[in-house]
PDB file of N, CA and C in Angstrom:
ATOM      1  N   MET A   1      -0.598  14.667  17.246  1.00  0.00           N
ATOM      2  CA  MET A   1      -1.329  14.984  16.055  1.00  0.00           C
ATOM      3  C   MET A   1      -0.801  14.127  14.918  1.00  0.00           C
ATOM      4  N   ARG A   2      -1.708  13.616  14.127  1.00  0.00           N
ATOM      5  CA  ARG A   2      -1.314  12.860  12.945  1.00  0.00           C
ATOM      6  C   ARG A   2      -1.886  13.552  11.713  1.00  0.00           C
ATOM      7  N   ALA A   3      -1.029  13.766  10.743  1.00  0.00           N
ATOM      8  CA  ALA A   3      -1.443  14.383   9.481  1.00  0.00           C
ATOM      9  C   ALA A   3      -0.351  14.118   8.467  1.00  0.00           C
ATOM     10  N   ASP A   4      -0.665  14.324   7.193  1.00  0.00           N
ATOM     11  CA  ASP A   4       0.383  14.137   6.198  1.00  0.00           C
ATOM     12  C   ASP A   4       1.380  15.294   6.296  1.00  0.00           C
ATOM     13  N   THR A   5       2.521  15.112   5.683  1.00  0.00           N
ATOM     14  CA  THR A   5       3.624  16.066   5.799  1.00  0.00           C
ATOM     15  C   THR A   5       3.225  17.461   5.333  1.00  0.00           C
ATOM     16  N   LYS A   6       2.555  17.566   4.193  1.00  0.00           N
ATOM     17  CA  LYS A   6       2.165  18.881   3.672  1.00  0.00           C
ATOM     18  C   LYS A   6       1.253  19.614   4.653  1.00  0.00           C
ATOM     19  N   LYS A   7       0.286  18.898   5.226  1.00  0.00           N
ATOM     20  CA  LYS A   7      -0.646  19.516   6.161  1.00  0.00           C
ATOM     21  C   LYS A   7       0.083  19.977   7.425  1.00  0.00           C
ATOM     22  N   LEU A   8       0.986  19.149   7.943  1.00  0.00           N
ATOM     23  CA  LEU A   8       1.750  19.527   9.137  1.00  0.00           C
ATOM     24  C   LEU A   8       2.595  20.774   8.886  1.00  0.00           C
ATOM     25  N   LEU A   9       3.243  20.832   7.738  1.00  0.00           N
ATOM     26  CA  LEU A   9       4.069  21.996   7.424  1.00  0.00           C
ATOM     27  C   LEU A   9       3.224  23.258   7.283  1.00  0.00           C
ATOM     28  N   GLU A  10       2.031  23.112   6.720  1.00  0.00           N
ATOM     29  CA  GLU A  10       1.125  24.251   6.596  1.00  0.00           C
ATOM     30  C   GLU A  10       0.682  24.736   7.981  1.00  0.00           C
ATOM     31  N   ILE A  11       0.332  23.816   8.860  1.00  0.00           N
ATOM     32  CA  ILE A  11      -0.068  24.183  10.227  1.00  0.00           C
ATOM     33  C   ILE A  11       1.092  24.855  10.945  1.00  0.00           C
ATOM     34  N   LYS A  12       2.281  24.289  10.783  1.00  0.00           N
ATOM     35  CA  LYS A  12       3.468  24.870  11.419  1.00  0.00           C
ATOM     36  C   LYS A  12       3.676  26.311  10.958  1.00  0.00           C
ATOM     37  N   ARG A  13       3.570  26.530   9.659  1.00  0.00           N
ATOM     38  CA  ARG A  13       3.804  27.858   9.092  1.00  0.00           C
ATOM     39  C   ARG A  13       2.743  28.855   9.542  1.00  0.00           C
ATOM     40  N   THR A  14       1.474  28.476   9.462  1.00  0.00           N
ATOM     41  CA  THR A  14       0.400  29.427   9.758  1.00  0.00           C
ATOM     42  C   THR A  14       0.198  29.678  11.249  1.00  0.00           C
ATOM     43  N   ARG A  15       0.586  28.733  12.075  1.00  0.00           N
ATOM     44  CA  ARG A  15       0.374  28.873  13.522  1.00  0.00           C
ATOM     45  C   ARG A  15       1.667  29.156  14.290  1.00  0.00           C
ATOM     46  N   ASP A  16       2.774  29.249  13.551  1.00  0.00           N
ATOM     47  CA  ASP A  16       4.079  29.501  14.162  1.00  0.00           C
ATOM     48  C   ASP A  16       4.371  28.489  15.271  1.00  0.00           C
ATOM     49  N   LEU A  17       4.261  27.210  14.914  1.00  0.00           N
ATOM     50  CA  LEU A  17       4.478  26.114  15.865  1.00  0.00           C
ATOM     51  C   LEU A  17       5.785  25.383  15.550  1.00  0.00           C
ATOM     52  N   ALA A  18       6.281  24.684  16.537  1.00  0.00           N
ATOM     53  CA  ALA A  18       7.437  23.806  16.342  1.00  0.00           C
ATOM     54  C   ALA A  18       6.928  22.369  16.303  1.00  0.00           C
ATOM     55  N   LEU A  19       7.490  21.561  15.422  1.00  0.00           N
ATOM     56  CA  LEU A  19       7.126  20.149  15.331  1.00  0.00           C
ATOM     57  C   LEU A  19       8.185  19.309  16.020  1.00  0.00           C
ATOM     58  N   GLU A  20       7.740  18.414  16.879  1.00  0.00           N
ATOM     59  CA  GLU A  20       8.644  17.515  17.586  1.00  0.00           C
ATOM     60  C   GLU A  20       8.391  16.092  17.109  1.00  0.00           C
ATOM     61  N   PRO A  21       9.427  15.351  16.766  1.00  0.00           N
ATOM     62  CA  PRO A  21       9.234  13.972  16.316  1.00  0.00           C
ATOM     63  C   PRO A  21       8.786  13.072  17.463  1.00  0.00           C
ATOM     64  N   GLU A  22       8.065  12.005  17.098  1.00  0.00           N
ATOM     65  CA  GLU A  22       7.624  11.039  18.091  1.00  0.00           C
ATOM     66  C   GLU A  22       8.814  10.281  18.681  1.00  0.00           C
ATOM     67  N   ILE A  23       9.778   9.971  17.826  1.00  0.00           N
ATOM     68  CA  ILE A  23      10.982   9.258  18.256  1.00  0.00           C
ATOM     69  C   ILE A  23      12.188  10.037  17.770  1.00  0.00           C
ATOM     70  N   ARG A  24      13.138  10.272  18.661  1.00  0.00           N
ATOM     71  CA  ARG A  24      14.387  10.940  18.279  1.00  0.00           C
ATOM     72  C   ARG A  24      15.520   9.921  18.362  1.00  0.00           C
ATOM     73  N   LEU A  25      16.268   9.803  17.301  1.00  0.00           N
ATOM     74  CA  LEU A  25      17.415   8.905  17.275  1.00  0.00           C
ATOM     75  C   LEU A  25      18.661   9.728  17.023  1.00  0.00           C
ATOM     76  N   GLY A  26      19.428   9.923  18.055  1.00  0.00           N
ATOM     77  CA  GLY A  26      20.681  10.628  17.927  1.00  0.00           C
ATOM     78  C   GLY A  26      21.841   9.657  18.033  1.00  0.00           C
ATOM     79  N   ASP A  27      23.050  10.162  17.874  1.00  0.00           N
ATOM     80  CA  ASP A  27      24.236   9.309  17.959  1.00  0.00           C
ATOM     81  C   ASP A  27      24.306   8.569  19.288  1.00  0.00           C
ATOM     82  N   GLN A  28      23.929   9.238  20.364  1.00  0.00           N
ATOM     83  CA  GLN A  28      24.021   8.619  21.683  1.00  0.00           C
ATOM     84  C   GLN A  28      23.123   7.377  21.779  1.00  0.00           C
ATOM     85  N   GLU A  29      21.880   7.484  21.271  1.00  0.00           N
ATOM     86  CA  GLU A  29      20.971   6.338  21.319  1.00  0.00           C
ATOM     87  C   GLU A  29      21.469   5.185  20.443  1.00  0.00           C
ATOM     88  N   LEU A  30      21.999   5.540  19.279  1.00  0.00           N
ATOM     89  CA  LEU A  30      22.434   4.500  18.353  1.00  0.00           C
ATOM     90  C   LEU A  30      23.747   3.850  18.765  1.00  0.00           C
ATOM     91  N   GLN A  31      24.516   4.494  19.647  1.00  0.00           N
ATOM     92  CA  GLN A  31      25.778   3.926  20.116  1.00  0.00           C
ATOM     93  C   GLN A  31      25.668   3.384  21.533  1.00  0.00           C
ATOM     94  N   SER A  32      24.478   3.321  22.056  1.00  0.00           N
ATOM     95  CA  SER A  32      24.251   2.870  23.421  1.00  0.00           C
ATOM     96  C   SER A  32      24.540   1.379  23.559  1.00  0.00           C
ATOM     97  N   ALA A  33      25.058   0.998  24.710  1.00  0.00           N
ATOM     98  CA  ALA A  33      25.272  -0.418  25.001  1.00  0.00           C
ATOM     99  C   ALA A  33      23.963  -1.082  25.407  1.00  0.00           C
ATOM    100  N   GLU A  34      22.928  -0.286  25.662  1.00  0.00           N
ATOM    101  CA  GLU A  34      21.650  -0.820  26.132  1.00  0.00           C
ATOM    102  C   GLU A  34      20.587  -0.903  25.035  1.00  0.00           C
ATOM    103  N   ILE A  35      20.760  -0.136  23.958  1.00  0.00           N
ATOM    104  CA  ILE A  35      19.772  -0.082  22.878  1.00  0.00           C
ATOM    105  C   ILE A  35      20.442  -0.467  21.570  1.00  0.00           C
ATOM    106  N   GLY A  36      19.735  -1.202  20.746  1.00  0.00           N
ATOM    107  CA  GLY A  36      20.297  -1.592  19.461  1.00  0.00           C
ATOM    108  C   GLY A  36      19.262  -1.569  18.357  1.00  0.00           C
ATOM    109  N   LEU A  37      19.724  -1.699  17.138  1.00  0.00           N
ATOM    110  CA  LEU A  37      18.854  -1.811  15.974  1.00  0.00           C
ATOM    111  C   LEU A  37      18.849  -3.262  15.520  1.00  0.00           C
ATOM    112  N   MET A  38      17.682  -3.725  15.122  1.00  0.00           N
ATOM    113  CA  MET A  38      17.541  -5.092  14.655  1.00  0.00           C
ATOM    114  C   MET A  38      16.621  -5.067  13.440  1.00  0.00           C
ATOM    115  N   GLU A  39      16.942  -5.864  12.455  1.00  0.00           N
ATOM    116  CA  GLU A  39      16.096  -5.985  11.277  1.00  0.00           C
ATOM    117  C   GLU A  39      15.536  -7.395  11.255  1.00  0.00           C
ATOM    118  N   VAL A  40      14.222  -7.511  11.146  1.00  0.00           N
ATOM    119  CA  VAL A  40      13.572  -8.821  11.125  1.00  0.00           C
ATOM    120  C   VAL A  40      12.635  -8.903   9.930  1.00  0.00           C
ATOM    121  N   VAL A  41      12.380 -10.126   9.479  1.00  0.00           N
ATOM    122  CA  VAL A  41      11.486 -10.355   8.349  1.00  0.00           C
ATOM    123  C   VAL A  41      10.299 -11.175   8.834  1.00  0.00           C
ATOM    124  N   VAL A  42       9.098 -10.778   8.414  1.00  0.00           N
ATOM    125  CA  VAL A  42       7.884 -11.500   8.781  1.00  0.00           C
ATOM    126  C   VAL A  42       7.885 -12.842   8.037  1.00  0.00           C
ATOM    127  N   SER A  43       7.819 -13.926   8.794  1.00  0.00           N
ATOM    128  CA  SER A  43       7.887 -15.267   8.208  1.00  0.00           C
ATOM    129  C   SER A  43       6.521 -15.700   7.655  1.00  0.00           C
ATOM    130  N   PRO A  44       6.504 -16.759   6.822  1.00  0.00           N
ATOM    131  CA  PRO A  44       5.249 -17.165   6.171  1.00  0.00           C
ATOM    132  C   PRO A  44       4.160 -17.634   7.142  1.00  0.00           C
ATOM    133  N   ASN A  45       4.535 -18.107   8.306  1.00  0.00           N
ATOM    134  CA  ASN A  45       3.545 -18.607   9.270  1.00  0.00           C
ATOM    135  C   ASN A  45       3.362 -17.672  10.453  1.00  0.00           C
ATOM    136  N   SER A  46       3.801 -16.433  10.343  1.00  0.00           N
ATOM    137  CA  SER A  46       3.760 -15.487  11.447  1.00  0.00           C
ATOM    138  C   SER A  46       2.336 -15.104  11.826  1.00  0.00           C
ATOM    139  N   SER A  47       2.109 -14.975  13.126  1.00  0.00           N
ATOM    140  CA  SER A  47       0.807 -14.514  13.613  1.00  0.00           C
ATOM    141  C   SER A  47       0.614 -13.018  13.338  1.00  0.00           C
ATOM    142  N   LEU A  48       1.661 -12.333  12.886  1.00  0.00           N
ATOM    143  CA  LEU A  48       1.574 -10.906  12.566  1.00  0.00           C
ATOM    144  C   LEU A  48       0.882 -10.648  11.227  1.00  0.00           C
ATOM    145  N   ILE A  49       0.855 -11.625  10.350  1.00  0.00           N
ATOM    146  CA  ILE A  49       0.314 -11.448   9.001  1.00  0.00           C
ATOM    147  C   ILE A  49      -1.152 -11.031   9.062  1.00  0.00           C
ATOM    148  N   GLY A  50      -1.446  -9.944   8.351  1.00  0.00           N
ATOM    149  CA  GLY A  50      -2.807  -9.431   8.277  1.00  0.00           C
ATOM    150  C   GLY A  50      -3.152  -8.427   9.356  1.00  0.00           C
ATOM    151  N   GLY A  51      -2.298  -8.329  10.367  1.00  0.00           N
ATOM    152  CA  GLY A  51      -2.541  -7.384  11.447  1.00  0.00           C
ATOM    153  C   GLY A  51      -1.657  -6.159  11.324  1.00  0.00           C
ATOM    154  N   THR A  52      -1.984  -5.137  12.093  1.00  0.00           N
ATOM    155  CA  THR A  52      -1.139  -3.947  12.170  1.00  0.00           C
ATOM    156  C   THR A  52      -0.306  -4.044  13.441  1.00  0.00           C
ATOM    157  N   LEU A  53       0.613  -3.113  13.621  1.00  0.00           N
ATOM    158  CA  LEU A  53       1.411  -3.107  14.846  1.00  0.00           C
ATOM    159  C   LEU A  53       0.511  -2.927  16.068  1.00  0.00           C
ATOM    160  N   VAL A  54      -0.535  -2.136  15.920  1.00  0.00           N
ATOM    161  CA  VAL A  54      -1.475  -1.921  17.027  1.00  0.00           C
ATOM    162  C   VAL A  54      -2.290  -3.184  17.280  1.00  0.00           C
ATOM    163  N   ASP A  55      -2.862  -3.767  16.225  1.00  0.00           N
ATOM    164  CA  ASP A  55      -3.695  -4.974  16.361  1.00  0.00           C
ATOM    165  C   ASP A  55      -2.957  -6.099  17.073  1.00  0.00           C
ATOM    166  N   THR A  56      -1.690  -6.241  16.738  1.00  0.00           N
ATOM    167  CA  THR A  56      -0.905  -7.367  17.263  1.00  0.00           C
ATOM    168  C   THR A  56      -0.248  -7.058  18.610  1.00  0.00           C
ATOM    169  N   GLY A  57      -0.349  -5.815  19.066  1.00  0.00           N
ATOM    170  CA  GLY A  57       0.300  -5.443  20.330  1.00  0.00           C
ATOM    171  C   GLY A  57       1.800  -5.592  20.238  1.00  0.00           C
ATOM    172  N   PHE A  58       2.357  -5.264  19.079  1.00  0.00           N
ATOM    173  CA  PHE A  58       3.767  -5.535  18.786  1.00  0.00           C
ATOM    174  C   PHE A  58       4.711  -4.981  19.850  1.00  0.00           C
ATOM    175  N   ARG A  59       4.535  -3.720  20.219  1.00  0.00           N
ATOM    176  CA  ARG A  59       5.477  -3.074  21.146  1.00  0.00           C
ATOM    177  C   ARG A  59       5.515  -3.800  22.495  1.00  0.00           C
ATOM    178  N   VAL A  60       4.366  -4.139  23.009  1.00  0.00           N
ATOM    179  CA  VAL A  60       4.301  -4.827  24.305  1.00  0.00           C
ATOM    180  C   VAL A  60       4.752  -6.277  24.163  1.00  0.00           C
ATOM    181  N   ARG A  61       4.301  -6.923  23.115  1.00  0.00           N
ATOM    182  CA  ARG A  61       4.596  -8.347  22.895  1.00  0.00           C
ATOM    183  C   ARG A  61       6.090  -8.620  22.736  1.00  0.00           C
ATOM    184  N   TYR A  62       6.790  -7.745  21.989  1.00  0.00           N
ATOM    185  CA  TYR A  62       8.195  -7.987  21.680  1.00  0.00           C
ATOM    186  C   TYR A  62       9.153  -7.005  22.345  1.00  0.00           C
ATOM    187  N   ASN A  63       8.640  -6.037  23.079  1.00  0.00           N
ATOM    188  CA  ASN A  63       9.467  -5.034  23.766  1.00  0.00           C
ATOM    189  C   ASN A  63      10.382  -4.296  22.781  1.00  0.00           C
ATOM    190  N   CYS A  64       9.819  -3.942  21.617  1.00  0.00           N
ATOM    191  CA  CYS A  64      10.571  -3.263  20.558  1.00  0.00           C
ATOM    192  C   CYS A  64       9.701  -2.163  19.954  1.00  0.00           C
ATOM    193  N   THR A  65      10.358  -1.166  19.386  1.00  0.00           N
ATOM    194  CA  THR A  65       9.667  -0.111  18.658  1.00  0.00           C
ATOM    195  C   THR A  65      10.042  -0.222  17.183  1.00  0.00           C
ATOM    196  N   VAL A  66       9.047  -0.333  16.329  1.00  0.00           N
ATOM    197  CA  VAL A  66       9.290  -0.391  14.887  1.00  0.00           C
ATOM    198  C   VAL A  66       9.511   1.035  14.393  1.00  0.00           C
ATOM    199  N   ILE A  67      10.648   1.283  13.755  1.00  0.00           N
ATOM    200  CA  ILE A  67      10.935   2.635  13.260  1.00  0.00           C
ATOM    201  C   ILE A  67      10.839   2.733  11.734  1.00  0.00           C
ATOM    202  N   ALA A  68      10.712   1.580  11.062  1.00  0.00           N
ATOM    203  CA  ALA A  68      10.489   1.581   9.612  1.00  0.00           C
ATOM    204  C   ALA A  68      10.014   0.197   9.185  1.00  0.00           C
ATOM    205  N   ILE A  69       9.259   0.163   8.111  1.00  0.00           N
ATOM    206  CA  ILE A  69       8.809  -1.095   7.510  1.00  0.00           C
ATOM    207  C   ILE A  69       9.158  -1.035   6.029  1.00  0.00           C
ATOM    208  N   ARG A  70       9.763  -2.104   5.525  1.00  0.00           N
ATOM    209  CA  ARG A  70      10.043  -2.200   4.086  1.00  0.00           C
ATOM    210  C   ARG A  70       9.070  -3.217   3.521  1.00  0.00           C
ATOM    211  N   LYS A  71       8.222  -2.765   2.594  1.00  0.00           N
ATOM    212  CA  LYS A  71       7.162  -3.587   2.024  1.00  0.00           C
ATOM    213  C   LYS A  71       7.242  -3.475   0.509  1.00  0.00           C
ATOM    214  N   HIS A  72       7.443  -4.601  -0.165  1.00  0.00           N
ATOM    215  CA  HIS A  72       7.516  -4.631  -1.634  1.00  0.00           C
ATOM    216  C   HIS A  72       8.549  -3.630  -2.167  1.00  0.00           C
ATOM    217  N   GLY A  73       9.684  -3.518  -1.482  1.00  0.00           N
ATOM    218  CA  GLY A  73      10.763  -2.651  -1.931  1.00  0.00           C
ATOM    219  C   GLY A  73      10.618  -1.188  -1.570  1.00  0.00           C
ATOM    220  N   VAL A  74       9.548  -0.827  -0.863  1.00  0.00           N
ATOM    221  CA  VAL A  74       9.302   0.562  -0.474  1.00  0.00           C
ATOM    222  C   VAL A  74       9.463   0.691   1.037  1.00  0.00           C
ATOM    223  N   THR A  75      10.257   1.673   1.474  1.00  0.00           N
ATOM    224  CA  THR A  75      10.441   1.903   2.904  1.00  0.00           C
ATOM    225  C   THR A  75       9.376   2.864   3.404  1.00  0.00           C
ATOM    226  N   ILE A  76       8.684   2.442   4.448  1.00  0.00           N
ATOM    227  CA  ILE A  76       7.615   3.237   5.045  1.00  0.00           C
ATOM    228  C   ILE A  76       8.106   3.714   6.406  1.00  0.00           C
ATOM    229  N   ARG A  77       8.016   5.031   6.650  1.00  0.00           N
ATOM    230  CA  ARG A  77       8.472   5.600   7.916  1.00  0.00           C
ATOM    231  C   ARG A  77       7.368   6.376   8.632  1.00  0.00           C
ATOM    232  N   GLU A  78       6.231   6.539   7.987  1.00  0.00           N
ATOM    233  CA  GLU A  78       5.130   7.298   8.562  1.00  0.00           C
ATOM    234  C   GLU A  78       3.901   6.410   8.693  1.00  0.00           C
ATOM    235  N   ARG A  79       3.104   6.703   9.699  1.00  0.00           N
ATOM    236  CA  ARG A  79       1.847   5.979   9.929  1.00  0.00           C
ATOM    237  C   ARG A  79       2.041   4.473   9.981  1.00  0.00           C
ATOM    238  N   LEU A  80       3.099   4.055  10.631  1.00  0.00           N
ATOM    239  CA  LEU A  80       3.416   2.634  10.720  1.00  0.00           C
ATOM    240  C   LEU A  80       2.295   1.851  11.391  1.00  0.00           C
ATOM    241  N   HIS A  81       1.576   2.492  12.287  1.00  0.00           N
ATOM    242  CA  HIS A  81       0.505   1.820  13.017  1.00  0.00           C
ATOM    243  C   HIS A  81      -0.643   1.384  12.103  1.00  0.00           C
ATOM    244  N   ARG A  82      -0.698   1.920  10.895  1.00  0.00           N
ATOM    245  CA  ARG A  82      -1.775   1.584   9.946  1.00  0.00           C
ATOM    246  C   ARG A  82      -1.390   0.495   8.940  1.00  0.00           C
ATOM    247  N   VAL A  83      -0.119   0.147   8.872  1.00  0.00           N
ATOM    248  CA  VAL A  83       0.365  -0.795   7.854  1.00  0.00           C
ATOM    249  C   VAL A  83      -0.031  -2.221   8.226  1.00  0.00           C
ATOM    250  N   LYS A  84      -0.741  -2.894   7.315  1.00  0.00           N
ATOM    251  CA  LYS A  84      -1.060  -4.308   7.517  1.00  0.00           C
ATOM    252  C   LYS A  84       0.174  -5.125   7.138  1.00  0.00           C
ATOM    253  N   LEU A  85       0.610  -5.947   8.050  1.00  0.00           N
ATOM    254  CA  LEU A  85       1.840  -6.714   7.838  1.00  0.00           C
ATOM    255  C   LEU A  85       1.583  -7.939   6.966  1.00  0.00           C
ATOM    256  N   SER A  86       2.583  -8.255   6.155  1.00  0.00           N
ATOM    257  CA  SER A  86       2.512  -9.382   5.226  1.00  0.00           C
ATOM    258  C   SER A  86       3.800 -10.193   5.301  1.00  0.00           C
ATOM    259  N   PHE A  87       3.706 -11.427   4.821  1.00  0.00           N
ATOM    260  CA  PHE A  87       4.895 -12.267   4.691  1.00  0.00           C
ATOM    261  C   PHE A  87       5.940 -11.523   3.862  1.00  0.00           C
ATOM    262  N   GLY A  88       7.181 -11.499   4.336  1.00  0.00           N
ATOM    263  CA  GLY A  88       8.272 -10.868   3.610  1.00  0.00           C
ATOM    264  C   GLY A  88       8.533  -9.424   3.986  1.00  0.00           C
ATOM    265  N   ASP A  89       7.615  -8.798   4.723  1.00  0.00           N
ATOM    266  CA  ASP A  89       7.870  -7.428   5.183  1.00  0.00           C
ATOM    267  C   ASP A  89       9.084  -7.425   6.099  1.00  0.00           C
ATOM    268  N   THR A  90       9.917  -6.394   5.971  1.00  0.00           N
ATOM    269  CA  THR A  90      11.091  -6.240   6.824  1.00  0.00           C
ATOM    270  C   THR A  90      10.827  -5.103   7.794  1.00  0.00           C
ATOM    271  N   LEU A  91      11.034  -5.377   9.088  1.00  0.00           N
ATOM    272  CA  LEU A  91      10.815  -4.383  10.131  1.00  0.00           C
ATOM    273  C   LEU A  91      12.155  -3.962  10.712  1.00  0.00           C
ATOM    274  N   LEU A  92      12.375  -2.657  10.814  1.00  0.00           N
ATOM    275  CA  LEU A  92      13.563  -2.134  11.482  1.00  0.00           C
ATOM    276  C   LEU A  92      13.146  -1.781  12.902  1.00  0.00           C
ATOM    277  N   LEU A  93      13.793  -2.409  13.871  1.00  0.00           N
ATOM    278  CA  LEU A  93      13.401  -2.281  15.269  1.00  0.00           C
ATOM    279  C   LEU A  93      14.440  -1.540  16.085  1.00  0.00           C
ATOM    280  N   LEU A  94      13.974  -0.722  16.993  1.00  0.00           N
ATOM    281  CA  LEU A  94      14.794  -0.122  18.037  1.00  0.00           C
ATOM    282  C   LEU A  94      14.452  -0.920  19.277  1.00  0.00           C
ATOM    283  N   THR A  95      15.452  -1.567  19.857  1.00  0.00           N
ATOM    284  CA  THR A  95      15.168  -2.538  20.909  1.00  0.00           C
ATOM    285  C   THR A  95      16.237  -2.552  22.000  1.00  0.00           C
ATOM    286  N   PRO A  96      15.833  -2.828  23.226  1.00  0.00           N
ATOM    287  CA  PRO A  96      16.844  -3.029  24.270  1.00  0.00           C
ATOM    288  C   PRO A  96      17.713  -4.237  23.904  1.00  0.00           C
ATOM    289  N   VAL A  97      18.981  -4.162  24.202  1.00  0.00           N
ATOM    290  CA  VAL A  97      19.914  -5.232  23.826  1.00  0.00           C
ATOM    291  C   VAL A  97      19.530  -6.568  24.453  1.00  0.00           C
ATOM    292  N   PHE A  98      18.930  -6.556  25.657  1.00  0.00           N
ATOM    293  CA  PHE A  98      18.594  -7.833  26.290  1.00  0.00           C
ATOM    294  C   PHE A  98      17.607  -8.644  25.449  1.00  0.00           C
ATOM    295  N   VAL A  99      16.866  -8.003  24.546  1.00  0.00           N
ATOM    296  CA  VAL A  99      15.934  -8.718  23.671  1.00  0.00           C
ATOM    297  C   VAL A  99      16.711  -9.661  22.761  1.00  0.00           C
ATOM    298  N   TYR A 100      17.927  -9.289  22.371  1.00  0.00           N
ATOM    299  CA  TYR A 100      18.747 -10.179  21.545  1.00  0.00           C
ATOM    300  C   TYR A 100      18.923 -11.524  22.224  1.00  0.00           C
ATOM    301  N   PHE A 101      19.146 -11.491  23.530  1.00  0.00           N
ATOM    302  CA  PHE A 101      19.370 -12.730  24.280  1.00  0.00           C
ATOM    303  C   PHE A 101      18.082 -13.526  24.446  1.00  0.00           C
ATOM    304  N   ILE A 102      16.968 -12.831  24.639  1.00  0.00           N
ATOM    305  CA  ILE A 102      15.679 -13.510  24.767  1.00  0.00           C
ATOM    306  C   ILE A 102      15.333 -14.219  23.471  1.00  0.00           C
ATOM    307  N   TRP A 103      15.598 -13.559  22.333  1.00  0.00           N
ATOM    308  CA  TRP A 103      15.283 -14.136  21.028  1.00  0.00           C
ATOM    309  C   TRP A 103      16.368 -15.096  20.552  1.00  0.00           C
ATOM    310  N   GLY A 104      17.444 -15.246  21.301  1.00  0.00           N
ATOM    311  CA  GLY A 104      18.503 -16.164  20.950  1.00  0.00           C
ATOM    312  C   GLY A 104      19.366 -15.724  19.786  1.00  0.00           C
ATOM    313  N   ILE A 105      19.577 -14.421  19.683  1.00  0.00           N
ATOM    314  CA  ILE A 105      20.378 -13.876  18.581  1.00  0.00           C
ATOM    315  C   ILE A 105      21.810 -13.690  19.028  1.00  0.00           C
TER     316      ILE A 105
END
């Protein structure tokens, strides 16, 4: 289900439901030898410009999950799939460590 925070909290309260996050990041995941965090910036000639994460097939293309986008100094953590990417946007990625080697980092 996708909805804004106020609507979700109202549904939770009136229907006595529990909300589960799409992605859970605990200490174990963040300290894993297999998973890491990476911050990347969209370059001026990137094929990502003007597209969303869905449009560009980001997850499949780069084998990474975007967990936040910083755009014009504002950090976005919700509805990331709707954000049109621009030059200078910073993406926080949750990624398998082997991606570092593929990207030459």
